[in-house]
Structures are given as structure tokens and as C-alpha cells.
Amino acid sequence: EQFNDDLLEAKLAGRVYLDYHWLRLIRSTHFKSVGVSVVCVLLITGLMFRSLIAGILCTLTVGVAVLVNYAIMGFGGIHLGVGTSMFASIAIGAGVNFPIHILDRLRIGLRDVDANPADVFASTLAFTGRALFYTAFVVAVGFLLLCVSEFRTLVHFGLLIGVGMIVSFVTSVTLLPAVLALLRPRFLWARRQDDLCPEED
């Protein structure tokens, strides 16, 4: 109404307009980046163990941590933003170390056909699990220290990554061994004929 002239062109600008497009871009690409991270973990761990099942187990283990973090965001009212958009990919990349170490140690232990499978699982969790515990503890505490920041984005970022590390570790030393003992995937049990019997515990 004030500048009714074909020679003039008006466009929105300013911080609000910039944030709108920035957050819109994050929303549209977030799950694509998470999907790429999941596929990369699946392919790399599958090739590492030469088993698609191993890749799926590693992916599902870190997937639990990501789902827990999304639940925390939902119930805690944490919005998807610049800082929180990175947590999933970082949690997947860092958390996948735990199932990889567990699977590798179990695979080495179960190669000995004379070894008791129950003892192999117990020693893996006692020694490899202990090392993974300290790793998870140090990394989680390092990120959780960001929660003392006065910058809310850093608080959310540190909280989500710290929780992701803890959940990945707990899942790797509880759910993953239980699934392996029940399903006995071929990449671990191919060279064995005996079962993991309750009386062997």
C-alpha cells in the first residue's frame, strides 16, 4: 500500500526468516542423515563380521539408544534444533563400538570347540564388558558435563549423547548376549555343535 511501484520488490529478511529456513532444512534432512548413518553401520559391521545378521544386531543395539533419546526428547519437550539434530548420528557412530567389541570377543572365544559357551559369555562380559564400562562411563560423563552449561542447546546435546552412550553400553552387555545365546547366529556358532544349556551355567 505504501510502495505500490513495479520497480520495488519486497522480501522477508532478518533473524526470524533465517531461523525459519534453517530449522526447516534441519527438519527435512534429519531423518535422511540418520538413515544414512544406520545404513553405513549396517554395511560396515556386516562386512567386518562377514554376516548380515551381525550387522543387523549391531544396528539394532545402537537403535535402542536412539529410540530412547527420541523418547526423552518427546517427554522432555526438547525440540529438534541445531544442537539436538546431531545427537542421533553421533550416538550411532560412537555407540556401535560396544556391540562390535562384544561380538568380536564372543566370536574369538567360541572358535574353541572345547570351550564351554557359558564360560565364553561370562568371561566376555567380565573382561571386555569391564573395559567397555569404563569407556562408556568416561565418554558419558564427558558429555553430561555439558549439562552445567547455561546454553540450553549444549545442555540438551550433552544430555542426549551421554544417555545414548549409557543405553548403548547397557544394551550391548544385556540384550545383545541374550539374543545371541537364544538365536545362535551362524557367524558365531557355525563351528560348534553344543548348546548353551542351563546346567552349564
N, C-alpha and C. Protein backbone atom coordinates (compact mmCIF):
# COMPACT_ATOMS: atom_id res chain seq x y z
N GLU A 1 0.83 -1.21 0.00
CA GLU A 1 0.00 0.00 0.00
C GLU A 1 0.86 1.25 0.00
N GLN A 2 1.99 1.21 0.64
CA GLN A 2 2.83 2.40 0.75
C GLN A 2 3.78 2.55 -0.43
N PHE A 3 4.24 1.42 -0.95
CA PHE A 3 5.22 1.46 -2.04
C PHE A 3 4.68 0.68 -3.23
N ASN A 4 3.61 1.16 -3.75
CA ASN A 4 2.94 0.49 -4.86
C ASN A 4 3.63 0.88 -6.17
N ASP A 5 4.76 0.22 -6.42
CA ASP A 5 5.55 0.54 -7.60
C ASP A 5 6.18 -0.74 -8.13
N ASP A 6 6.06 -0.95 -9.46
CA ASP A 6 6.62 -2.16 -10.05
C ASP A 6 8.15 -2.21 -9.97
N LEU A 7 8.77 -1.09 -9.73
CA LEU A 7 10.23 -1.06 -9.65
C LEU A 7 10.75 -1.54 -8.30
N LEU A 8 9.86 -1.66 -7.32
CA LEU A 8 10.25 -2.08 -5.98
C LEU A 8 9.84 -3.53 -5.74
N GLU A 9 10.69 -4.25 -5.06
CA GLU A 9 10.41 -5.64 -4.71
C GLU A 9 10.73 -5.87 -3.25
N ALA A 10 9.80 -6.40 -2.50
CA ALA A 10 9.98 -6.60 -1.06
C ALA A 10 10.18 -8.08 -0.76
N LYS A 11 11.13 -8.39 0.14
CA LYS A 11 11.40 -9.75 0.57
C LYS A 11 11.56 -9.77 2.09
N LEU A 12 11.16 -10.89 2.68
CA LEU A 12 11.33 -11.04 4.12
C LEU A 12 12.81 -11.23 4.43
N ALA A 13 13.24 -10.74 5.56
CA ALA A 13 14.63 -10.87 5.98
C ALA A 13 14.69 -10.84 7.50
N GLY A 14 15.89 -10.94 8.03
CA GLY A 14 16.05 -10.87 9.47
C GLY A 14 16.26 -12.23 10.11
N ARG A 15 16.44 -12.23 11.41
CA ARG A 15 16.76 -13.44 12.18
C ARG A 15 15.64 -14.47 12.13
N VAL A 16 14.40 -14.02 12.24
CA VAL A 16 13.28 -14.95 12.23
C VAL A 16 13.20 -15.68 10.90
N TYR A 17 13.37 -14.96 9.81
CA TYR A 17 13.31 -15.56 8.49
C TYR A 17 14.46 -16.55 8.29
N LEU A 18 15.63 -16.20 8.79
CA LEU A 18 16.79 -17.08 8.69
C LEU A 18 16.57 -18.35 9.51
N ASP A 19 16.07 -18.21 10.74
CA ASP A 19 15.82 -19.37 11.58
C ASP A 19 14.76 -20.28 10.98
N TYR A 20 13.77 -19.67 10.34
CA TYR A 20 12.69 -20.46 9.74
C TYR A 20 13.27 -21.41 8.69
N HIS A 21 14.06 -20.91 7.78
CA HIS A 21 14.63 -21.76 6.72
C HIS A 21 15.68 -22.71 7.27
N TRP A 22 16.43 -22.28 8.28
CA TRP A 22 17.44 -23.13 8.89
C TRP A 22 16.80 -24.35 9.55
N LEU A 23 15.77 -24.10 10.34
CA LEU A 23 15.10 -25.20 11.03
C LEU A 23 14.29 -26.06 10.06
N ARG A 24 13.77 -25.43 9.02
CA ARG A 24 13.05 -26.20 8.00
C ARG A 24 13.99 -27.17 7.30
N LEU A 25 15.21 -26.73 7.05
CA LEU A 25 16.21 -27.59 6.43
C LEU A 25 16.60 -28.74 7.35
N ILE A 26 16.73 -28.44 8.64
CA ILE A 26 17.06 -29.49 9.61
C ILE A 26 15.95 -30.53 9.66
N ARG A 27 14.71 -30.07 9.68
CA ARG A 27 13.58 -30.99 9.76
C ARG A 27 13.51 -31.90 8.54
N SER A 28 13.80 -31.37 7.38
CA SER A 28 13.66 -32.15 6.15
C SER A 28 14.83 -33.10 5.91
N THR A 29 15.99 -32.84 6.54
CA THR A 29 17.16 -33.68 6.28
C THR A 29 17.57 -34.54 7.48
N HIS A 30 16.96 -34.31 8.64
CA HIS A 30 17.40 -35.01 9.86
C HIS A 30 17.29 -36.52 9.71
N PHE A 31 16.12 -37.00 9.36
CA PHE A 31 15.92 -38.44 9.29
C PHE A 31 16.65 -39.07 8.10
N LYS A 32 16.93 -38.27 7.08
CA LYS A 32 17.76 -38.77 5.99
C LYS A 32 19.17 -39.05 6.48
N SER A 33 19.72 -38.13 7.27
CA SER A 33 21.08 -38.32 7.79
C SER A 33 21.12 -39.49 8.76
N VAL A 34 20.08 -39.65 9.58
CA VAL A 34 20.02 -40.79 10.49
C VAL A 34 19.95 -42.09 9.70
N GLY A 35 19.16 -42.08 8.64
CA GLY A 35 19.05 -43.27 7.79
C GLY A 35 20.38 -43.63 7.14
N VAL A 36 21.11 -42.63 6.68
CA VAL A 36 22.43 -42.88 6.08
C VAL A 36 23.37 -43.46 7.13
N SER A 37 23.33 -42.93 8.35
CA SER A 37 24.18 -43.46 9.43
C SER A 37 23.86 -44.91 9.72
N VAL A 38 22.58 -45.24 9.76
CA VAL A 38 22.16 -46.62 10.04
C VAL A 38 22.64 -47.55 8.94
N VAL A 39 22.48 -47.13 7.69
CA VAL A 39 22.90 -47.97 6.57
C VAL A 39 24.41 -48.17 6.59
N CYS A 40 25.16 -47.12 6.91
CA CYS A 40 26.62 -47.23 6.98
C CYS A 40 27.04 -48.20 8.07
N VAL A 41 26.41 -48.11 9.23
CA VAL A 41 26.72 -49.04 10.33
C VAL A 41 26.40 -50.47 9.91
N LEU A 42 25.26 -50.67 9.28
CA LEU A 42 24.85 -52.00 8.84
C LEU A 42 25.84 -52.59 7.85
N LEU A 43 26.25 -51.79 6.87
CA LEU A 43 27.17 -52.28 5.84
C LEU A 43 28.57 -52.55 6.42
N ILE A 44 29.08 -51.61 7.20
CA ILE A 44 30.44 -51.75 7.72
C ILE A 44 30.55 -52.92 8.69
N THR A 45 29.61 -53.03 9.62
CA THR A 45 29.67 -54.14 10.58
C THR A 45 29.35 -55.47 9.90
N GLY A 46 28.47 -55.45 8.91
CA GLY A 46 28.19 -56.66 8.16
C GLY A 46 29.41 -57.17 7.42
N LEU A 47 30.15 -56.25 6.81
CA LEU A 47 31.39 -56.63 6.12
C LEU A 47 32.47 -57.06 7.11
N MET A 48 32.51 -56.38 8.25
CA MET A 48 33.53 -56.70 9.26
C MET A 48 33.40 -58.14 9.75
N PHE A 49 32.16 -58.54 10.04
CA PHE A 49 31.92 -59.90 10.54
C PHE A 49 31.51 -60.87 9.42
N ARG A 50 31.43 -60.35 8.20
CA ARG A 50 31.02 -61.15 7.04
C ARG A 50 29.67 -61.82 7.29
N SER A 51 28.77 -61.05 7.87
CA SER A 51 27.45 -61.58 8.20
C SER A 51 26.45 -60.43 8.25
N LEU A 52 25.37 -60.58 7.51
CA LEU A 52 24.31 -59.58 7.55
C LEU A 52 23.63 -59.56 8.91
N ILE A 53 23.52 -60.74 9.54
CA ILE A 53 22.90 -60.83 10.86
C ILE A 53 23.70 -60.03 11.88
N ALA A 54 25.03 -60.11 11.80
CA ALA A 54 25.87 -59.34 12.72
C ALA A 54 25.65 -57.85 12.53
N GLY A 55 25.55 -57.41 11.28
CA GLY A 55 25.29 -56.00 11.00
C GLY A 55 23.95 -55.56 11.56
N ILE A 56 22.95 -56.41 11.41
CA ILE A 56 21.61 -56.08 11.91
C ILE A 56 21.62 -55.99 13.44
N LEU A 57 22.32 -56.91 14.10
CA LEU A 57 22.38 -56.90 15.56
C LEU A 57 23.08 -55.65 16.08
N CYS A 58 24.17 -55.26 15.42
CA CYS A 58 24.86 -54.04 15.83
C CYS A 58 23.98 -52.82 15.62
N THR A 59 23.27 -52.80 14.50
CA THR A 59 22.40 -51.67 14.19
C THR A 59 21.24 -51.57 15.18
N LEU A 60 20.65 -52.72 15.51
CA LEU A 60 19.54 -52.71 16.46
C LEU A 60 19.99 -52.30 17.85
N THR A 61 21.22 -52.68 18.21
CA THR A 61 21.73 -52.32 19.55
C THR A 61 21.82 -50.80 19.71
N VAL A 62 22.42 -50.14 18.73
CA VAL A 62 22.52 -48.67 18.82
C VAL A 62 21.16 -48.03 18.51
N GLY A 63 20.31 -48.74 17.78
CA GLY A 63 18.98 -48.21 17.50
C GLY A 63 18.16 -48.04 18.76
N VAL A 64 18.36 -48.92 19.74
CA VAL A 64 17.66 -48.81 21.01
C VAL A 64 18.03 -47.49 21.69
N ALA A 65 19.32 -47.15 21.65
CA ALA A 65 19.77 -45.90 22.27
C ALA A 65 19.16 -44.69 21.59
N VAL A 66 19.06 -44.74 20.26
CA VAL A 66 18.47 -43.62 19.52
C VAL A 66 16.99 -43.48 19.85
N LEU A 67 16.28 -44.59 19.93
CA LEU A 67 14.86 -44.55 20.27
C LEU A 67 14.64 -44.00 21.68
N VAL A 68 15.50 -44.39 22.60
CA VAL A 68 15.39 -43.87 23.97
C VAL A 68 15.59 -42.36 23.97
N ASN A 69 16.54 -41.89 23.19
CA ASN A 69 16.78 -40.45 23.11
C ASN A 69 15.61 -39.71 22.50
N TYR A 70 15.00 -40.28 21.48
CA TYR A 70 13.81 -39.64 20.90
C TYR A 70 12.68 -39.60 21.93
N ALA A 71 12.58 -40.65 22.75
CA ALA A 71 11.56 -40.66 23.80
C ALA A 71 11.83 -39.56 24.82
N ILE A 72 13.10 -39.39 25.18
CA ILE A 72 13.45 -38.32 26.12
C ILE A 72 13.10 -36.96 25.53
N MET A 73 13.39 -36.78 24.25
CA MET A 73 13.05 -35.52 23.60
C MET A 73 11.55 -35.28 23.61
N GLY A 74 10.79 -36.34 23.35
CA GLY A 74 9.34 -36.20 23.31
C GLY A 74 8.75 -35.88 24.67
N PHE A 75 9.11 -36.66 25.68
CA PHE A 75 8.55 -36.46 27.01
C PHE A 75 9.14 -35.23 27.71
N GLY A 76 10.37 -34.87 27.34
CA GLY A 76 11.01 -33.73 27.98
C GLY A 76 10.77 -32.41 27.28
N GLY A 77 10.05 -32.45 26.17
CA GLY A 77 9.76 -31.22 25.43
C GLY A 77 11.00 -30.61 24.77
N ILE A 78 11.96 -31.46 24.40
CA ILE A 78 13.17 -30.98 23.73
C ILE A 78 12.92 -30.96 22.23
N HIS A 79 12.98 -29.80 21.65
CA HIS A 79 12.67 -29.66 20.23
C HIS A 79 13.87 -30.02 19.37
N LEU A 80 13.57 -30.44 18.16
CA LEU A 80 14.61 -30.75 17.18
C LEU A 80 15.19 -29.44 16.66
N GLY A 81 16.45 -29.19 16.97
CA GLY A 81 17.09 -27.94 16.56
C GLY A 81 18.50 -28.18 16.08
N VAL A 82 19.28 -27.12 16.06
CA VAL A 82 20.64 -27.20 15.54
C VAL A 82 21.48 -28.19 16.36
N GLY A 83 21.43 -28.08 17.69
CA GLY A 83 22.23 -28.96 18.53
C GLY A 83 21.68 -30.37 18.63
N THR A 84 20.38 -30.50 18.84
CA THR A 84 19.77 -31.81 19.04
C THR A 84 19.68 -32.62 17.75
N SER A 85 19.80 -31.99 16.60
CA SER A 85 19.71 -32.72 15.34
C SER A 85 20.93 -33.60 15.10
N MET A 86 22.02 -33.34 15.82
CA MET A 86 23.25 -34.09 15.59
C MET A 86 23.38 -35.31 16.49
N PHE A 87 22.53 -35.42 17.52
CA PHE A 87 22.75 -36.43 18.54
C PHE A 87 22.62 -37.83 17.98
N ALA A 88 21.67 -38.07 17.07
CA ALA A 88 21.41 -39.43 16.60
C ALA A 88 22.60 -40.00 15.85
N SER A 89 23.14 -39.24 14.91
CA SER A 89 24.27 -39.74 14.13
C SER A 89 25.50 -39.94 15.01
N ILE A 90 25.73 -39.02 15.95
CA ILE A 90 26.88 -39.16 16.85
C ILE A 90 26.69 -40.36 17.78
N ALA A 91 25.48 -40.54 18.30
CA ALA A 91 25.21 -41.67 19.18
C ALA A 91 25.36 -42.99 18.44
N ILE A 92 24.95 -43.04 17.19
CA ILE A 92 25.10 -44.26 16.40
C ILE A 92 26.57 -44.55 16.16
N GLY A 93 27.32 -43.52 15.74
CA GLY A 93 28.73 -43.71 15.44
C GLY A 93 29.56 -44.10 16.64
N ALA A 94 29.28 -43.49 17.79
CA ALA A 94 30.06 -43.78 19.00
C ALA A 94 29.55 -45.04 19.70
N GLY A 95 28.25 -45.26 19.71
CA GLY A 95 27.67 -46.39 20.43
C GLY A 95 27.90 -47.73 19.78
N VAL A 96 28.19 -47.75 18.48
CA VAL A 96 28.36 -49.03 17.78
C VAL A 96 29.64 -49.73 18.22
N ASN A 97 30.56 -49.03 18.87
CA ASN A 97 31.77 -49.67 19.36
C ASN A 97 31.47 -50.78 20.36
N PHE A 98 30.45 -50.60 21.18
CA PHE A 98 30.15 -51.58 22.22
C PHE A 98 29.73 -52.94 21.64
N PRO A 99 28.73 -53.01 20.77
CA PRO A 99 28.37 -54.32 20.21
C PRO A 99 29.48 -54.93 19.37
N ILE A 100 30.29 -54.11 18.70
CA ILE A 100 31.39 -54.65 17.90
C ILE A 100 32.37 -55.40 18.79
N HIS A 101 32.76 -54.81 19.93
CA HIS A 101 33.70 -55.46 20.83
C HIS A 101 33.12 -56.74 21.42
N ILE A 102 31.84 -56.71 21.78
CA ILE A 102 31.21 -57.90 22.35
C ILE A 102 31.16 -59.02 21.32
N LEU A 103 30.73 -58.72 20.11
CA LEU A 103 30.63 -59.74 19.07
C LEU A 103 32.00 -60.30 18.71
N ASP A 104 32.99 -59.45 18.61
CA ASP A 104 34.32 -59.91 18.23
C ASP A 104 34.91 -60.82 19.30
N ARG A 105 34.76 -60.45 20.56
CA ARG A 105 35.30 -61.28 21.64
C ARG A 105 34.57 -62.61 21.73
N LEU A 106 33.26 -62.60 21.55
CA LEU A 106 32.50 -63.86 21.57
C LEU A 106 32.89 -64.75 20.40
N ARG A 107 33.09 -64.16 19.25
CA ARG A 107 33.47 -64.94 18.07
C ARG A 107 34.81 -65.62 18.29
N ILE A 108 35.76 -64.91 18.88
CA ILE A 108 37.08 -65.49 19.16
C ILE A 108 36.96 -66.61 20.19
N GLY A 109 36.18 -66.37 21.23
CA GLY A 109 36.04 -67.38 22.28
C GLY A 109 35.34 -68.63 21.82
N LEU A 110 34.32 -68.49 20.98
CA LEU A 110 33.54 -69.64 20.54
C LEU A 110 34.22 -70.43 19.43
N ARG A 111 35.34 -69.94 18.92
CA ARG A 111 36.08 -70.72 17.92
C ARG A 111 36.68 -71.98 18.53
N ASP A 112 36.95 -71.94 19.81
CA ASP A 112 37.49 -73.11 20.51
C ASP A 112 36.33 -74.05 20.81
N VAL A 113 36.29 -75.17 20.08
CA VAL A 113 35.15 -76.08 20.22
C VAL A 113 35.15 -76.77 21.58
N ASP A 114 36.27 -76.74 22.29
CA ASP A 114 36.34 -77.37 23.61
C ASP A 114 35.91 -76.42 24.73
N ALA A 115 35.75 -75.15 24.40
CA ALA A 115 35.37 -74.17 25.42
C ALA A 115 33.89 -74.27 25.74
N ASN A 116 33.57 -74.05 26.99
CA ASN A 116 32.18 -74.04 27.42
C ASN A 116 31.55 -72.71 27.01
N PRO A 117 30.48 -72.72 26.18
CA PRO A 117 29.87 -71.46 25.73
C PRO A 117 29.46 -70.54 26.88
N ALA A 118 28.98 -71.13 27.97
CA ALA A 118 28.59 -70.31 29.11
C ALA A 118 29.79 -69.59 29.69
N ASP A 119 30.94 -70.28 29.73
CA ASP A 119 32.16 -69.64 30.23
C ASP A 119 32.65 -68.55 29.28
N VAL A 120 32.46 -68.77 27.98
CA VAL A 120 32.86 -67.76 27.00
C VAL A 120 32.05 -66.49 27.18
N PHE A 121 30.75 -66.65 27.36
CA PHE A 121 29.89 -65.49 27.57
C PHE A 121 30.25 -64.78 28.88
N ALA A 122 30.49 -65.58 29.92
CA ALA A 122 30.80 -65.00 31.22
C ALA A 122 32.12 -64.24 31.19
N SER A 123 33.15 -64.82 30.58
CA SER A 123 34.45 -64.15 30.52
C SER A 123 34.41 -62.92 29.64
N THR A 124 33.61 -62.97 28.57
CA THR A 124 33.48 -61.80 27.69
C THR A 124 32.88 -60.63 28.44
N LEU A 125 31.83 -60.88 29.19
CA LEU A 125 31.18 -59.81 29.94
C LEU A 125 32.04 -59.35 31.11
N ALA A 126 32.84 -60.28 31.67
CA ALA A 126 33.66 -59.92 32.83
C ALA A 126 34.86 -59.05 32.43
N PHE A 127 35.47 -59.36 31.30
CA PHE A 127 36.68 -58.65 30.93
C PHE A 127 36.42 -57.57 29.87
N THR A 128 35.87 -57.97 28.72
CA THR A 128 35.54 -56.97 27.70
C THR A 128 34.46 -56.02 28.20
N GLY A 129 33.48 -56.57 28.91
CA GLY A 129 32.42 -55.74 29.46
C GLY A 129 32.94 -54.71 30.45
N ARG A 130 33.95 -55.09 31.23
CA ARG A 130 34.52 -54.15 32.19
C ARG A 130 35.22 -52.99 31.47
N ALA A 131 35.98 -53.32 30.43
CA ALA A 131 36.64 -52.26 29.65
C ALA A 131 35.62 -51.34 28.99
N LEU A 132 34.55 -51.93 28.46
CA LEU A 132 33.51 -51.13 27.83
C LEU A 132 32.79 -50.25 28.85
N PHE A 133 32.67 -50.76 30.08
CA PHE A 133 32.03 -49.96 31.13
C PHE A 133 32.81 -48.68 31.39
N TYR A 134 34.13 -48.80 31.53
CA TYR A 134 34.94 -47.61 31.79
C TYR A 134 34.90 -46.66 30.60
N THR A 135 34.89 -47.22 29.39
CA THR A 135 34.80 -46.37 28.20
C THR A 135 33.48 -45.61 28.18
N ALA A 136 32.39 -46.34 28.42
CA ALA A 136 31.07 -45.70 28.42
C ALA A 136 30.98 -44.66 29.53
N PHE A 137 31.54 -44.97 30.69
CA PHE A 137 31.48 -44.06 31.83
C PHE A 137 32.21 -42.75 31.53
N VAL A 138 33.43 -42.87 31.00
CA VAL A 138 34.22 -41.67 30.72
C VAL A 138 33.56 -40.81 29.64
N VAL A 139 33.13 -41.45 28.56
CA VAL A 139 32.52 -40.70 27.47
C VAL A 139 31.21 -40.06 27.92
N ALA A 140 30.38 -40.83 28.63
CA ALA A 140 29.09 -40.31 29.07
C ALA A 140 29.26 -39.14 30.03
N VAL A 141 30.17 -39.28 31.00
CA VAL A 141 30.40 -38.19 31.95
C VAL A 141 30.93 -36.96 31.22
N GLY A 142 31.81 -37.18 30.24
CA GLY A 142 32.34 -36.05 29.48
C GLY A 142 31.25 -35.25 28.80
N PHE A 143 30.29 -35.94 28.20
CA PHE A 143 29.19 -35.24 27.55
C PHE A 143 28.18 -34.68 28.55
N LEU A 144 27.94 -35.42 29.62
CA LEU A 144 26.97 -34.95 30.62
C LEU A 144 27.44 -33.70 31.34
N LEU A 145 28.75 -33.46 31.35
CA LEU A 145 29.26 -32.24 31.95
C LEU A 145 28.76 -30.99 31.23
N LEU A 146 28.34 -31.18 29.98
CA LEU A 146 27.78 -30.05 29.24
C LEU A 146 26.46 -29.58 29.85
N CYS A 147 25.86 -30.42 30.69
CA CYS A 147 24.58 -30.07 31.30
C CYS A 147 24.71 -28.91 32.29
N VAL A 148 25.93 -28.59 32.72
CA VAL A 148 26.11 -27.46 33.62
C VAL A 148 26.22 -26.15 32.85
N SER A 149 26.20 -26.22 31.55
CA SER A 149 26.29 -25.02 30.74
C SER A 149 25.02 -24.19 30.86
N GLU A 150 25.16 -22.90 30.70
CA GLU A 150 23.99 -22.02 30.70
C GLU A 150 23.36 -21.91 29.32
N PHE A 151 24.00 -22.53 28.35
CA PHE A 151 23.48 -22.52 26.98
C PHE A 151 22.61 -23.75 26.80
N ARG A 152 21.31 -23.56 26.64
CA ARG A 152 20.36 -24.67 26.63
C ARG A 152 20.66 -25.70 25.54
N THR A 153 21.12 -25.26 24.39
CA THR A 153 21.42 -26.19 23.30
C THR A 153 22.52 -27.16 23.71
N LEU A 154 23.55 -26.67 24.40
CA LEU A 154 24.62 -27.54 24.86
C LEU A 154 24.13 -28.51 25.93
N VAL A 155 23.24 -28.05 26.78
CA VAL A 155 22.68 -28.92 27.81
C VAL A 155 21.95 -30.09 27.18
N HIS A 156 21.10 -29.81 26.21
CA HIS A 156 20.34 -30.87 25.53
C HIS A 156 21.27 -31.80 24.78
N PHE A 157 22.25 -31.23 24.10
CA PHE A 157 23.20 -32.04 23.33
C PHE A 157 23.98 -32.99 24.24
N GLY A 158 24.53 -32.47 25.33
CA GLY A 158 25.28 -33.30 26.26
C GLY A 158 24.43 -34.37 26.90
N LEU A 159 23.20 -34.02 27.25
CA LEU A 159 22.29 -34.98 27.87
C LEU A 159 21.99 -36.14 26.93
N LEU A 160 21.66 -35.83 25.68
CA LEU A 160 21.27 -36.87 24.73
C LEU A 160 22.43 -37.79 24.37
N ILE A 161 23.61 -37.22 24.15
CA ILE A 161 24.76 -38.06 23.82
C ILE A 161 25.17 -38.90 25.02
N GLY A 162 25.18 -38.32 26.20
CA GLY A 162 25.53 -39.07 27.41
C GLY A 162 24.58 -40.23 27.65
N VAL A 163 23.30 -39.97 27.54
CA VAL A 163 22.31 -41.04 27.71
C VAL A 163 22.47 -42.09 26.61
N GLY A 164 22.75 -41.65 25.40
CA GLY A 164 22.94 -42.57 24.29
C GLY A 164 24.08 -43.54 24.55
N MET A 165 25.20 -43.04 25.10
CA MET A 165 26.34 -43.90 25.42
C MET A 165 25.96 -44.92 26.48
N ILE A 166 25.26 -44.47 27.51
CA ILE A 166 24.88 -45.38 28.60
C ILE A 166 23.94 -46.47 28.10
N VAL A 167 22.94 -46.09 27.33
CA VAL A 167 21.97 -47.07 26.82
C VAL A 167 22.64 -48.04 25.86
N SER A 168 23.54 -47.57 25.01
CA SER A 168 24.24 -48.45 24.08
C SER A 168 25.07 -49.48 24.84
N PHE A 169 25.73 -49.04 25.89
CA PHE A 169 26.54 -49.97 26.69
C PHE A 169 25.65 -51.01 27.37
N VAL A 170 24.61 -50.54 28.04
CA VAL A 170 23.72 -51.47 28.77
C VAL A 170 23.08 -52.47 27.81
N THR A 171 22.65 -52.02 26.66
CA THR A 171 22.04 -52.91 25.68
C THR A 171 23.05 -53.93 25.17
N SER A 172 24.30 -53.51 25.00
CA SER A 172 25.34 -54.39 24.46
C SER A 172 25.72 -55.50 25.42
N VAL A 173 25.62 -55.25 26.73
CA VAL A 173 26.04 -56.26 27.71
C VAL A 173 24.85 -57.01 28.33
N THR A 174 23.65 -56.67 27.92
CA THR A 174 22.47 -57.37 28.46
C THR A 174 21.63 -57.98 27.33
N LEU A 175 21.04 -57.15 26.53
CA LEU A 175 20.13 -57.63 25.48
C LEU A 175 20.87 -58.38 24.38
N LEU A 176 22.00 -57.84 23.94
CA LEU A 176 22.74 -58.47 22.84
C LEU A 176 23.21 -59.89 23.18
N PRO A 177 23.88 -60.12 24.31
CA PRO A 177 24.28 -61.50 24.63
C PRO A 177 23.10 -62.46 24.77
N ALA A 178 21.99 -61.96 25.30
CA ALA A 178 20.81 -62.81 25.45
C ALA A 178 20.28 -63.23 24.08
N VAL A 179 20.22 -62.30 23.14
CA VAL A 179 19.75 -62.61 21.78
C VAL A 179 20.70 -63.59 21.11
N LEU A 180 22.00 -63.40 21.29
CA LEU A 180 22.99 -64.29 20.68
C LEU A 180 22.89 -65.70 21.24
N ALA A 181 22.67 -65.82 22.56
CA ALA A 181 22.55 -67.14 23.19
C ALA A 181 21.29 -67.86 22.74
N LEU A 182 20.22 -67.10 22.49
CA LEU A 182 18.96 -67.72 22.09
C LEU A 182 18.92 -68.07 20.61
N LEU A 183 19.37 -67.16 19.78
CA LEU A 183 19.29 -67.36 18.32
C LEU A 183 20.46 -68.15 17.76
N ARG A 184 21.60 -68.10 18.43
CA ARG A 184 22.82 -68.77 17.99
C ARG A 184 23.08 -68.52 16.50
N PRO A 185 23.34 -67.28 16.12
CA PRO A 185 23.57 -66.98 14.71
C PRO A 185 24.79 -67.72 14.18
N ARG A 186 24.75 -68.04 12.91
CA ARG A 186 25.76 -68.90 12.29
C ARG A 186 27.16 -68.28 12.33
N PHE A 187 27.27 -66.96 12.24
CA PHE A 187 28.60 -66.35 12.20
C PHE A 187 29.34 -66.52 13.52
N LEU A 188 28.62 -66.86 14.61
CA LEU A 188 29.25 -67.15 15.89
C LEU A 188 29.32 -68.64 16.19
N TRP A 189 28.25 -69.37 15.84
CA TRP A 189 28.10 -70.75 16.30
C TRP A 189 28.35 -71.78 15.21
N ALA A 190 28.81 -71.37 14.04
CA ALA A 190 28.93 -72.30 12.92
C ALA A 190 29.88 -73.46 13.21
N ARG A 191 30.90 -73.21 14.02
CA ARG A 191 31.91 -74.24 14.27
C ARG A 191 31.63 -75.03 15.54
N ARG A 192 30.44 -74.84 16.11
CA ARG A 192 30.13 -75.54 17.35
C ARG A 192 28.87 -76.38 17.16
N GLN A 193 28.80 -77.48 17.89
CA GLN A 193 27.64 -78.34 17.82
C GLN A 193 26.90 -78.39 19.17
N ASP A 194 27.56 -77.90 20.21
CA ASP A 194 26.95 -77.97 21.55
C ASP A 194 26.06 -76.77 21.78
N ASP A 195 25.18 -76.89 22.73
CA ASP A 195 24.23 -75.84 23.07
C ASP A 195 24.65 -75.15 24.34
N LEU A 196 24.09 -73.96 24.51
CA LEU A 196 24.29 -73.23 25.76
C LEU A 196 23.19 -73.67 26.73
N CYS A 197 23.49 -74.72 27.51
CA CYS A 197 22.48 -75.34 28.36
C CYS A 197 22.46 -74.68 29.74
N PRO A 198 21.29 -74.63 30.38
CA PRO A 198 21.22 -74.01 31.71
C PRO A 198 22.13 -74.69 32.72
N GLU A 199 22.27 -76.06 32.61
CA GLU A 199 23.07 -76.74 33.60
C GLU A 199 24.56 -76.45 33.47
N GLU A 200 24.97 -75.82 32.34
CA GLU A 200 26.37 -75.49 32.16
C GLU A 200 26.74 -74.18 32.81
N ASP A 201 25.71 -73.41 33.25
CA ASP A 201 25.98 -72.10 33.84
C ASP A 201 26.72 -72.28 35.16
